[in-house]
Amino acid sequence: MLFYAKKFLWLDLAVTLILGALGCWGIKYFSVPYGFALTLASCLQGLASFVAIMSWTFAVQKGYAIVR
């Protein structure tokens, strides 16, 4: 289903917002404790995670293009 959602920008954004809202609702409903602090370490960890996921996505797409 998510691959189908990637065909249209509006559908991709709608799915992202719905999943985000469900996640926030679940955190509040189940009273999950969470802490959010914007520190240098958390920003660097977020940047490193972004680069790792981006690299993995590009590698998978390149591999798929080669196999195809």
Protein backbone atom coordinates (compact mmCIF):
# COMPACT_ATOMS: atom_id res chain seq x y z
CA MET A 1 0.00 0.00 0.00
CA LEU A 2 2.81 2.38 0.82
CA PHE A 3 4.35 1.88 -2.62
CA TYR A 4 1.03 2.92 -4.16
CA ALA A 5 0.95 5.99 -1.91
CA LYS A 6 4.33 7.08 -3.26
CA LYS A 7 2.82 7.65 -6.72
CA PHE A 8 0.95 10.78 -5.64
CA LEU A 9 2.38 13.53 -3.45
CA TRP A 10 -0.96 14.36 -1.83
CA LEU A 11 -1.53 10.71 -0.92
CA ASP A 12 1.99 10.37 0.47
CA LEU A 13 1.47 13.45 2.64
CA ALA A 14 -1.94 12.22 3.78
CA VAL A 15 -0.53 8.82 4.80
CA THR A 16 2.35 10.51 6.63
CA LEU A 17 0.00 12.81 8.54
CA ILE A 18 -2.38 9.96 9.41
CA LEU A 19 0.43 7.73 10.67
CA GLY A 20 1.92 10.61 12.66
CA ALA A 21 -1.46 11.41 14.20
CA LEU A 22 -2.01 7.76 15.11
CA GLY A 23 1.42 7.66 16.74
CA CYS A 24 0.70 10.79 18.80
CA TRP A 25 -2.70 9.44 19.75
CA GLY A 26 -1.12 6.14 20.85
CA ILE A 27 1.45 7.94 22.99
CA LYS A 28 -1.30 9.90 24.75
CA TYR A 29 -3.78 7.01 24.99
CA PHE A 30 -1.30 4.57 26.49
CA SER A 31 0.39 7.27 28.60
CA VAL A 32 3.81 6.48 27.20
CA PRO A 33 6.40 8.69 28.85
CA TYR A 34 8.67 10.47 26.44
CA GLY A 35 11.28 13.15 26.71
CA PHE A 36 12.12 15.65 24.02
CA ALA A 37 15.21 17.75 24.42
CA LEU A 38 16.87 19.64 21.62
CA THR A 39 20.55 19.26 22.36
CA LEU A 40 23.65 19.11 20.20
CA ALA A 41 23.88 15.34 20.73
CA SER A 42 20.26 14.77 19.68
CA CYS A 43 20.71 16.95 16.58
CA LEU A 44 23.86 15.05 15.58
CA GLN A 45 22.12 11.72 16.16
CA GLY A 46 19.21 12.86 14.01
CA LEU A 47 21.58 13.97 11.25
CA ALA A 48 23.48 10.68 11.40
CA SER A 49 20.22 8.72 11.24
CA PHE A 50 19.07 10.81 8.28
CA VAL A 51 22.31 10.15 6.39
CA ALA A 52 22.16 6.41 7.17
CA ILE A 53 18.55 6.04 5.98
CA MET A 54 19.19 8.20 2.91
CA SER A 55 22.27 6.16 1.97
CA TRP A 56 20.40 2.88 2.43
CA THR A 57 17.49 4.12 0.30
CA PHE A 58 19.80 5.23 -2.52
CA ALA A 59 21.71 1.93 -2.36
CA VAL A 60 18.49 -0.08 -2.62
CA GLN A 61 17.24 2.04 -5.52
CA LYS A 62 20.56 1.72 -7.36
CA GLY A 63 20.58 -2.02 -6.78
CA TYR A 64 17.04 -2.31 -8.08
CA ALA A 65 17.95 -0.27 -11.16
CA ILE A 66 20.95 -2.53 -11.85
CA VAL A 67 18.92 -5.72 -11.45
CA ARG A 68 16.11 -4.38 -13.53
